Amino acid sequence: MRAVITVLGKDMVGILAKVSARCAEAHVNVLEVTQSVLQDLFAMIMMVDISKSTVAFDELADSLKKIGDNMGLKVHVMHEDIFHSMHRI
């Protein structure tokens, strides 16, 4: 099982480190990362493997959202099945 994590907000030091550290704590494996900085706007998309996660999906999503809130970022976690359903014609 996989999930998509998106992060948007003002660029600052430590965004990738904090999000990936939380994933590691939950035994969520980061499969792919793409990030861009456009002027001072940070945008990141991560594809993660949640099959061996030690926390419930909602708990992971809430903890990542809280990290984002503390840093002034918008963090969204979406299960891969939902992602595919939303983008199916």
PDB file of N, CA and C in Angstrom:
ATOM      1  N   MET A   1       0.837  -1.174   0.000  1.00  0.00           N
ATOM      2  CA  MET A   1       0.000   0.000   0.000  1.00  0.00           C
ATOM      3  C   MET A   1       0.884   1.240   0.000  1.00  0.00           C
ATOM      4  N   ARG A   2       0.446   2.218  -0.763  1.00  0.00           N
ATOM      5  CA  ARG A   2       1.206   3.458  -0.854  1.00  0.00           C
ATOM      6  C   ARG A   2       0.314   4.648  -0.555  1.00  0.00           C
ATOM      7  N   ALA A   3       0.979   5.766  -0.292  1.00  0.00           N
ATOM      8  CA  ALA A   3       0.272   7.016  -0.053  1.00  0.00           C
ATOM      9  C   ALA A   3       1.055   8.145  -0.699  1.00  0.00           C
ATOM     10  N   VAL A   4       0.361   9.244  -0.949  1.00  0.00           N
ATOM     11  CA  VAL A   4       0.966  10.444  -1.516  1.00  0.00           C
ATOM     12  C   VAL A   4       0.931  11.528  -0.445  1.00  0.00           C
ATOM     13  N   ILE A   5       2.090  12.133  -0.189  1.00  0.00           N
ATOM     14  CA  ILE A   5       2.196  13.234   0.766  1.00  0.00           C
ATOM     15  C   ILE A   5       2.556  14.479  -0.021  1.00  0.00           C
ATOM     16  N   THR A   6       1.779  15.542   0.156  1.00  0.00           N
ATOM     17  CA  THR A   6       2.115  16.811  -0.489  1.00  0.00           C
ATOM     18  C   THR A   6       2.375  17.850   0.593  1.00  0.00           C
ATOM     19  N   VAL A   7       3.349  18.719   0.311  1.00  0.00           N
ATOM     20  CA  VAL A   7       3.721  19.783   1.242  1.00  0.00           C
ATOM     21  C   VAL A   7       3.855  21.073   0.440  1.00  0.00           C
ATOM     22  N   LEU A   8       3.179  22.128   0.894  1.00  0.00           N
ATOM     23  CA  LEU A   8       3.247  23.436   0.247  1.00  0.00           C
ATOM     24  C   LEU A   8       3.424  24.521   1.295  1.00  0.00           C
ATOM     25  N   GLY A   9       4.241  25.502   0.974  1.00  0.00           N
ATOM     26  CA  GLY A   9       4.377  26.633   1.874  1.00  0.00           C
ATOM     27  C   GLY A   9       5.646  27.411   1.626  1.00  0.00           C
ATOM     28  N   LYS A  10       5.921  28.337   2.521  1.00  0.00           N
ATOM     29  CA  LYS A  10       7.117  29.162   2.419  1.00  0.00           C
ATOM     30  C   LYS A  10       8.349  28.294   2.647  1.00  0.00           C
ATOM     31  N   ASP A  11       9.342  28.455   1.787  1.00  0.00           N
ATOM     32  CA  ASP A  11      10.567  27.666   1.891  1.00  0.00           C
ATOM     33  C   ASP A  11      11.324  27.999   3.171  1.00  0.00           C
ATOM     34  N   MET A  12      11.857  26.964   3.810  1.00  0.00           N
ATOM     35  CA  MET A  12      12.687  27.126   5.006  1.00  0.00           C
ATOM     36  C   MET A  12      13.523  25.866   5.196  1.00  0.00           C
ATOM     37  N   VAL A  13      14.516  25.954   6.014  1.00  0.00           N
ATOM     38  CA  VAL A  13      15.385  24.817   6.302  1.00  0.00           C
ATOM     39  C   VAL A  13      14.615  23.769   7.103  1.00  0.00           C
ATOM     40  N   GLY A  14      14.780  22.494   6.733  1.00  0.00           N
ATOM     41  CA  GLY A  14      14.279  21.388   7.547  1.00  0.00           C
ATOM     42  C   GLY A  14      12.963  20.780   7.158  1.00  0.00           C
ATOM     43  N   ILE A  15      12.332  21.259   6.102  1.00  0.00           N
ATOM     44  CA  ILE A  15      11.016  20.710   5.735  1.00  0.00           C
ATOM     45  C   ILE A  15      11.127  19.229   5.390  1.00  0.00           C
ATOM     46  N   LEU A  16      11.975  18.902   4.438  1.00  0.00           N
ATOM     47  CA  LEU A  16      12.136  17.505   4.032  1.00  0.00           C
ATOM     48  C   LEU A  16      12.602  16.654   5.208  1.00  0.00           C
ATOM     49  N   ALA A  17      13.512  17.181   6.012  1.00  0.00           N
ATOM     50  CA  ALA A  17      14.043  16.432   7.151  1.00  0.00           C
ATOM     51  C   ALA A  17      12.945  16.077   8.150  1.00  0.00           C
ATOM     52  N   LYS A  18      12.086  17.026   8.482  1.00  0.00           N
ATOM     53  CA  LYS A  18      11.042  16.768   9.485  1.00  0.00           C
ATOM     54  C   LYS A  18       9.983  15.810   8.974  1.00  0.00           C
ATOM     55  N   VAL A  19       9.579  15.973   7.718  1.00  0.00           N
ATOM     56  CA  VAL A  19       8.561  15.077   7.156  1.00  0.00           C
ATOM     57  C   VAL A  19       9.120  13.662   7.015  1.00  0.00           C
ATOM     58  N   SER A  20      10.316  13.531   6.492  1.00  0.00           N
ATOM     59  CA  SER A  20      10.892  12.197   6.313  1.00  0.00           C
ATOM     60  C   SER A  20      11.239  11.546   7.653  1.00  0.00           C
ATOM     61  N   ALA A  21      11.623  12.336   8.663  1.00  0.00           N
ATOM     62  CA  ALA A  21      11.905  11.783   9.993  1.00  0.00           C
ATOM     63  C   ALA A  21      10.634  11.188  10.601  1.00  0.00           C
ATOM     64  N   ARG A  22       9.497  11.882  10.429  1.00  0.00           N
ATOM     65  CA  ARG A  22       8.232  11.352  10.951  1.00  0.00           C
ATOM     66  C   ARG A  22       7.860  10.058  10.236  1.00  0.00           C
ATOM     67  N   CYS A  23       8.101  10.019   8.937  1.00  0.00           N
ATOM     68  CA  CYS A  23       7.841   8.791   8.184  1.00  0.00           C
ATOM     69  C   CYS A  23       8.707   7.650   8.716  1.00  0.00           C
ATOM     70  N   ALA A  24       9.978   7.916   8.938  1.00  0.00           N
ATOM     71  CA  ALA A  24      10.894   6.887   9.443  1.00  0.00           C
ATOM     72  C   ALA A  24      10.462   6.382  10.816  1.00  0.00           C
ATOM     73  N   GLU A  25      10.030   7.292  11.692  1.00  0.00           N
ATOM     74  CA  GLU A  25       9.558   6.898  13.024  1.00  0.00           C
ATOM     75  C   GLU A  25       8.389   5.918  12.929  1.00  0.00           C
ATOM     76  N   ALA A  26       7.548   6.083  11.912  1.00  0.00           N
ATOM     77  CA  ALA A  26       6.360   5.245  11.732  1.00  0.00           C
ATOM     78  C   ALA A  26       6.631   4.043  10.833  1.00  0.00           C
ATOM     79  N   HIS A  27       7.884   3.826  10.461  1.00  0.00           N
ATOM     80  CA  HIS A  27       8.276   2.751   9.538  1.00  0.00           C
ATOM     81  C   HIS A  27       7.588   2.867   8.182  1.00  0.00           C
ATOM     82  N   VAL A  28       7.443   4.107   7.744  1.00  0.00           N
ATOM     83  CA  VAL A  28       6.897   4.414   6.416  1.00  0.00           C
ATOM     84  C   VAL A  28       8.094   4.689   5.511  1.00  0.00           C
ATOM     85  N   ASN A  29       8.220   3.918   4.440  1.00  0.00           N
ATOM     86  CA  ASN A  29       9.366   4.029   3.545  1.00  0.00           C
ATOM     87  C   ASN A  29       9.100   5.052   2.439  1.00  0.00           C
ATOM     88  N   VAL A  30      10.011   5.997   2.287  1.00  0.00           N
ATOM     89  CA  VAL A  30       9.899   6.994   1.225  1.00  0.00           C
ATOM     90  C   VAL A  30      10.404   6.360  -0.070  1.00  0.00           C
ATOM     91  N   LEU A  31       9.524   6.268  -1.070  1.00  0.00           N
ATOM     92  CA  LEU A  31       9.869   5.647  -2.347  1.00  0.00           C
ATOM     93  C   LEU A  31      10.381   6.666  -3.356  1.00  0.00           C
ATOM     94  N   GLU A  32       9.722   7.805  -3.435  1.00  0.00           N
ATOM     95  CA  GLU A  32      10.103   8.860  -4.384  1.00  0.00           C
ATOM     96  C   GLU A  32       9.807  10.215  -3.771  1.00  0.00           C
ATOM     97  N   VAL A  33      10.656  11.176  -4.121  1.00  0.00           N
ATOM     98  CA  VAL A  33      10.453  12.554  -3.675  1.00  0.00           C
ATOM     99  C   VAL A  33      10.739  13.482  -4.842  1.00  0.00           C
ATOM    100  N   THR A  34       9.869  14.438  -5.039  1.00  0.00           N
ATOM    101  CA  THR A  34      10.144  15.526  -5.961  1.00  0.00           C
ATOM    102  C   THR A  34       9.829  16.813  -5.218  1.00  0.00           C
ATOM    103  N   GLN A  35      10.718  17.768  -5.352  1.00  0.00           N
ATOM    104  CA  GLN A  35      10.485  19.048  -4.687  1.00  0.00           C
ATOM    105  C   GLN A  35      10.986  20.169  -5.566  1.00  0.00           C
ATOM    106  N   SER A  36      10.356  21.314  -5.393  1.00  0.00           N
ATOM    107  CA  SER A  36      10.736  22.511  -6.138  1.00  0.00           C
ATOM    108  C   SER A  36      10.619  23.707  -5.221  1.00  0.00           C
ATOM    109  N   VAL A  37      11.454  24.689  -5.486  1.00  0.00           N
ATOM    110  CA  VAL A  37      11.341  25.976  -4.815  1.00  0.00           C
ATOM    111  C   VAL A  37      11.150  27.010  -5.912  1.00  0.00           C
ATOM    112  N   LEU A  38       9.996  27.659  -5.901  1.00  0.00           N
ATOM    113  CA  LEU A  38       9.657  28.686  -6.882  1.00  0.00           C
ATOM    114  C   LEU A  38       9.640  30.010  -6.143  1.00  0.00           C
ATOM    115  N   GLN A  39      10.679  30.814  -6.366  1.00  0.00           N
ATOM    116  CA  GLN A  39      10.925  32.026  -5.591  1.00  0.00           C
ATOM    117  C   GLN A  39      11.034  31.608  -4.131  1.00  0.00           C
ATOM    118  N   ASP A  40      10.059  31.889  -3.284  1.00  0.00           N
ATOM    119  CA  ASP A  40      10.157  31.442  -1.892  1.00  0.00           C
ATOM    120  C   ASP A  40       9.077  30.421  -1.534  1.00  0.00           C
ATOM    121  N   LEU A  41       8.417  29.839  -2.550  1.00  0.00           N
ATOM    122  CA  LEU A  41       7.383  28.834  -2.328  1.00  0.00           C
ATOM    123  C   LEU A  41       7.976  27.435  -2.473  1.00  0.00           C
ATOM    124  N   PHE A  42       7.823  26.623  -1.436  1.00  0.00           N
ATOM    125  CA  PHE A  42       8.305  25.247  -1.427  1.00  0.00           C
ATOM    126  C   PHE A  42       7.148  24.325  -1.787  1.00  0.00           C
ATOM    127  N   ALA A  43       7.397  23.381  -2.697  1.00  0.00           N
ATOM    128  CA  ALA A  43       6.388  22.386  -3.075  1.00  0.00           C
ATOM    129  C   ALA A  43       7.066  21.024  -3.130  1.00  0.00           C
ATOM    130  N   MET A  44       6.464  20.035  -2.458  1.00  0.00           N
ATOM    131  CA  MET A  44       7.038  18.689  -2.443  1.00  0.00           C
ATOM    132  C   MET A  44       5.928  17.655  -2.566  1.00  0.00           C
ATOM    133  N   ILE A  45       6.230  16.607  -3.325  1.00  0.00           N
ATOM    134  CA  ILE A  45       5.348  15.442  -3.423  1.00  0.00           C
ATOM    135  C   ILE A  45       6.190  14.223  -3.087  1.00  0.00           C
ATOM    136  N   MET A  46       5.688  13.401  -2.177  1.00  0.00           N
ATOM    137  CA  MET A  46       6.367  12.166  -1.797  1.00  0.00           C
ATOM    138  C   MET A  46       5.435  10.986  -2.058  1.00  0.00           C
ATOM    139  N   MET A  47       5.990   9.922  -2.606  1.00  0.00           N
ATOM    140  CA  MET A  47       5.275   8.655  -2.696  1.00  0.00           C
ATOM    141  C   MET A  47       5.891   7.773  -1.624  1.00  0.00           C
ATOM    142  N   VAL A  48       5.059   7.246  -0.721  1.00  0.00           N
ATOM    143  CA  VAL A  48       5.563   6.454   0.398  1.00  0.00           C
ATOM    144  C   VAL A  48       4.866   5.100   0.457  1.00  0.00           C
ATOM    145  N   ASP A  49       5.585   4.121   0.987  1.00  0.00           N
ATOM    146  CA  ASP A  49       5.042   2.781   1.204  1.00  0.00           C
ATOM    147  C   ASP A  49       4.581   2.711   2.654  1.00  0.00           C
ATOM    148  N   ILE A  50       3.282   2.516   2.860  1.00  0.00           N
ATOM    149  CA  ILE A  50       2.722   2.479   4.206  1.00  0.00           C
ATOM    150  C   ILE A  50       2.406   1.056   4.665  1.00  0.00           C
ATOM    151  N   SER A  51       2.813   0.055   3.895  1.00  0.00           N
ATOM    152  CA  SER A  51       2.437  -1.330   4.211  1.00  0.00           C
ATOM    153  C   SER A  51       3.030  -1.821   5.525  1.00  0.00           C
ATOM    154  N   LYS A  52       4.141  -1.264   5.979  1.00  0.00           N
ATOM    155  CA  LYS A  52       4.755  -1.701   7.238  1.00  0.00           C
ATOM    156  C   LYS A  52       4.659  -0.631   8.328  1.00  0.00           C
ATOM    157  N   SER A  53       3.768   0.317   8.136  1.00  0.00           N
ATOM    158  CA  SER A  53       3.611   1.400   9.101  1.00  0.00           C
ATOM    159  C   SER A  53       3.203   0.853  10.462  1.00  0.00           C
ATOM    160  N   THR A  54       3.771   1.439  11.498  1.00  0.00           N
ATOM    161  CA  THR A  54       3.458   1.030  12.869  1.00  0.00           C
ATOM    162  C   THR A  54       2.345   1.881  13.477  1.00  0.00           C
ATOM    163  N   VAL A  55       1.805   2.818  12.693  1.00  0.00           N
ATOM    164  CA  VAL A  55       0.697   3.658  13.152  1.00  0.00           C
ATOM    165  C   VAL A  55      -0.435   3.594  12.133  1.00  0.00           C
ATOM    166  N   ALA A  56      -1.630   3.876  12.593  1.00  0.00           N
ATOM    167  CA  ALA A  56      -2.787   3.914  11.692  1.00  0.00           C
ATOM    168  C   ALA A  56      -2.611   5.048  10.683  1.00  0.00           C
ATOM    169  N   PHE A  57      -3.215   4.887   9.514  1.00  0.00           N
ATOM    170  CA  PHE A  57      -3.106   5.891   8.458  1.00  0.00           C
ATOM    171  C   PHE A  57      -3.541   7.267   8.954  1.00  0.00           C
ATOM    172  N   ASP A  58      -4.677   7.343   9.649  1.00  0.00           N
ATOM    173  CA  ASP A  58      -5.180   8.627  10.150  1.00  0.00           C
ATOM    174  C   ASP A  58      -4.206   9.265  11.139  1.00  0.00           C
ATOM    175  N   GLU A  59      -3.570   8.447  11.963  1.00  0.00           N
ATOM    176  CA  GLU A  59      -2.593   8.967  12.927  1.00  0.00           C
ATOM    177  C   GLU A  59      -1.379   9.547  12.204  1.00  0.00           C
ATOM    178  N   LEU A  60      -0.921   8.855  11.169  1.00  0.00           N
ATOM    179  CA  LEU A  60       0.197   9.354  10.373  1.00  0.00           C
ATOM    180  C   LEU A  60      -0.175  10.687   9.721  1.00  0.00           C
ATOM    181  N   ALA A  61      -1.340  10.721   9.096  1.00  0.00           N
ATOM    182  CA  ALA A  61      -1.791  11.945   8.428  1.00  0.00           C
ATOM    183  C   ALA A  61      -1.914  13.101   9.414  1.00  0.00           C
ATOM    184  N   ASP A  62      -2.481  12.836  10.586  1.00  0.00           N
ATOM    185  CA  ASP A  62      -2.640  13.887  11.597  1.00  0.00           C
ATOM    186  C   ASP A  62      -1.290  14.392  12.102  1.00  0.00           C
ATOM    187  N   SER A  63      -0.344  13.481  12.314  1.00  0.00           N
ATOM    188  CA  SER A  63       0.963  13.900  12.826  1.00  0.00           C
ATOM    189  C   SER A  63       1.733  14.711  11.783  1.00  0.00           C
ATOM    190  N   LEU A  64       1.600  14.360  10.512  1.00  0.00           N
ATOM    191  CA  LEU A  64       2.255  15.141   9.463  1.00  0.00           C
ATOM    192  C   LEU A  64       1.583  16.499   9.292  1.00  0.00           C
ATOM    193  N   LYS A  65       0.251  16.534   9.425  1.00  0.00           N
ATOM    194  CA  LYS A  65      -0.459  17.812   9.364  1.00  0.00           C
ATOM    195  C   LYS A  65      -0.009  18.716  10.504  1.00  0.00           C
ATOM    196  N   LYS A  66       0.189  18.141  11.686  1.00  0.00           N
ATOM    197  CA  LYS A  66       0.621  18.921  12.847  1.00  0.00           C
ATOM    198  C   LYS A  66       2.022  19.495  12.612  1.00  0.00           C
ATOM    199  N   ILE A  67       2.917  18.702  12.008  1.00  0.00           N
ATOM    200  CA  ILE A  67       4.250  19.210  11.657  1.00  0.00           C
ATOM    201  C   ILE A  67       4.099  20.405  10.723  1.00  0.00           C
ATOM    202  N   GLY A  68       3.235  20.257   9.720  1.00  0.00           N
ATOM    203  CA  GLY A  68       2.993  21.351   8.789  1.00  0.00           C
ATOM    204  C   GLY A  68       2.439  22.580   9.481  1.00  0.00           C
ATOM    205  N   ASP A  69       1.470  22.384  10.361  1.00  0.00           N
ATOM    206  CA  ASP A  69       0.872  23.506  11.086  1.00  0.00           C
ATOM    207  C   ASP A  69       1.936  24.252  11.901  1.00  0.00           C
ATOM    208  N   ASN A  70       2.812  23.504  12.553  1.00  0.00           N
ATOM    209  CA  ASN A  70       3.866  24.118  13.370  1.00  0.00           C
ATOM    210  C   ASN A  70       4.873  24.899  12.536  1.00  0.00           C
ATOM    211  N   MET A  71       5.018  24.513  11.257  1.00  0.00           N
ATOM    212  CA  MET A  71       5.985  25.174  10.376  1.00  0.00           C
ATOM    213  C   MET A  71       5.309  26.176   9.429  1.00  0.00           C
ATOM    214  N   GLY A  72       4.008  26.319   9.530  1.00  0.00           N
ATOM    215  CA  GLY A  72       3.288  27.219   8.634  1.00  0.00           C
ATOM    216  C   GLY A  72       3.138  26.662   7.233  1.00  0.00           C
ATOM    217  N   LEU A  73       3.033  25.339   7.116  1.00  0.00           N
ATOM    218  CA  LEU A  73       2.928  24.652   5.827  1.00  0.00           C
ATOM    219  C   LEU A  73       1.597  23.925   5.726  1.00  0.00           C
ATOM    220  N   LYS A  74       1.189  23.637   4.508  1.00  0.00           N
ATOM    221  CA  LYS A  74       0.013  22.816   4.255  1.00  0.00           C
ATOM    222  C   LYS A  74       0.513  21.422   3.887  1.00  0.00           C
ATOM    223  N   VAL A  75       0.210  20.432   4.724  1.00  0.00           N
ATOM    224  CA  VAL A  75       0.620  19.048   4.468  1.00  0.00           C
ATOM    225  C   VAL A  75      -0.641  18.218   4.313  1.00  0.00           C
ATOM    226  N   HIS A  76      -0.684  17.437   3.237  1.00  0.00           N
ATOM    227  CA  HIS A  76      -1.841  16.590   2.964  1.00  0.00           C
ATOM    228  C   HIS A  76      -1.351  15.177   2.665  1.00  0.00           C
ATOM    229  N   VAL A  77      -2.003  14.183   3.258  1.00  0.00           N
ATOM    230  CA  VAL A  77      -1.652  12.783   3.030  1.00  0.00           C
ATOM    231  C   VAL A  77      -2.873  12.093   2.445  1.00  0.00           C
ATOM    232  N   MET A  78      -2.674  11.424   1.325  1.00  0.00           N
ATOM    233  CA  MET A  78      -3.780  10.765   0.637  1.00  0.00           C
ATOM    234  C   MET A  78      -3.386   9.321   0.304  1.00  0.00           C
ATOM    235  N   HIS A  79      -4.261   8.385   0.655  1.00  0.00           N
ATOM    236  CA  HIS A  79      -4.035   6.983   0.318  1.00  0.00           C
ATOM    237  C   HIS A  79      -4.028   6.846  -1.198  1.00  0.00           C
ATOM    238  N   GLU A  80      -3.180   5.998  -1.713  1.00  0.00           N
ATOM    239  CA  GLU A  80      -3.029   5.821  -3.164  1.00  0.00           C
ATOM    240  C   GLU A  80      -4.356   5.472  -3.845  1.00  0.00           C
ATOM    241  N   ASP A  81      -5.178   4.648  -3.204  1.00  0.00           N
ATOM    242  CA  ASP A  81      -6.458   4.256  -3.811  1.00  0.00           C
ATOM    243  C   ASP A  81      -7.356   5.473  -4.028  1.00  0.00           C
ATOM    244  N   ILE A  82      -7.387   6.378  -3.076  1.00  0.00           N
ATOM    245  CA  ILE A  82      -8.182   7.604  -3.199  1.00  0.00           C
ATOM    246  C   ILE A  82      -7.614   8.469  -4.311  1.00  0.00           C
ATOM    247  N   PHE A  83      -6.289   8.585  -4.335  1.00  0.00           N
ATOM    248  CA  PHE A  83      -5.621   9.382  -5.366  1.00  0.00           C
ATOM    249  C   PHE A  83      -6.011   8.890  -6.757  1.00  0.00           C
ATOM    250  N   HIS A  84      -5.936   7.571  -6.972  1.00  0.00           N
ATOM    251  CA  HIS A  84      -6.271   7.014  -8.281  1.00  0.00           C
ATOM    252  C   HIS A  84      -7.766   7.198  -8.611  1.00  0.00           C
ATOM    253  N   SER A  85      -8.617   7.034  -7.629  1.00  0.00           N
ATOM    254  CA  SER A  85     -10.051   7.209  -7.853  1.00  0.00           C
ATOM    255  C   SER A  85     -10.381   8.639  -8.261  1.00  0.00           C
ATOM    256  N   MET A  86      -9.695   9.613  -7.648  1.00  0.00           N
ATOM    257  CA  MET A  86      -9.958  11.011  -7.964  1.00  0.00           C
ATOM    258  C   MET A  86      -9.485  11.382  -9.371  1.00  0.00           C
ATOM    259  N   HIS A  87      -8.495  10.672  -9.891  1.00  0.00           N
ATOM    260  CA  HIS A  87      -7.914  11.045 -11.167  1.00  0.00           C
ATOM    261  C   HIS A  87      -8.292  10.072 -12.291  1.00  0.00           C
ATOM    262  N   ARG A  88      -9.286   9.264 -12.053  1.00  0.00           N
ATOM    263  CA  ARG A  88      -9.776   8.339 -13.065  1.00  0.00           C
ATOM    264  C   ARG A  88     -10.857   9.040 -13.880  1.00  0.00           C
ATOM    265  N   ILE A  89     -10.839   8.833 -15.158  1.00  0.00           N
ATOM    266  CA  ILE A  89     -11.841   9.475 -16.042  1.00  0.00           C
ATOM    267  C   ILE A  89     -13.128   8.694 -15.998  1.00  0.00           C
TER     268      ILE A  89
END
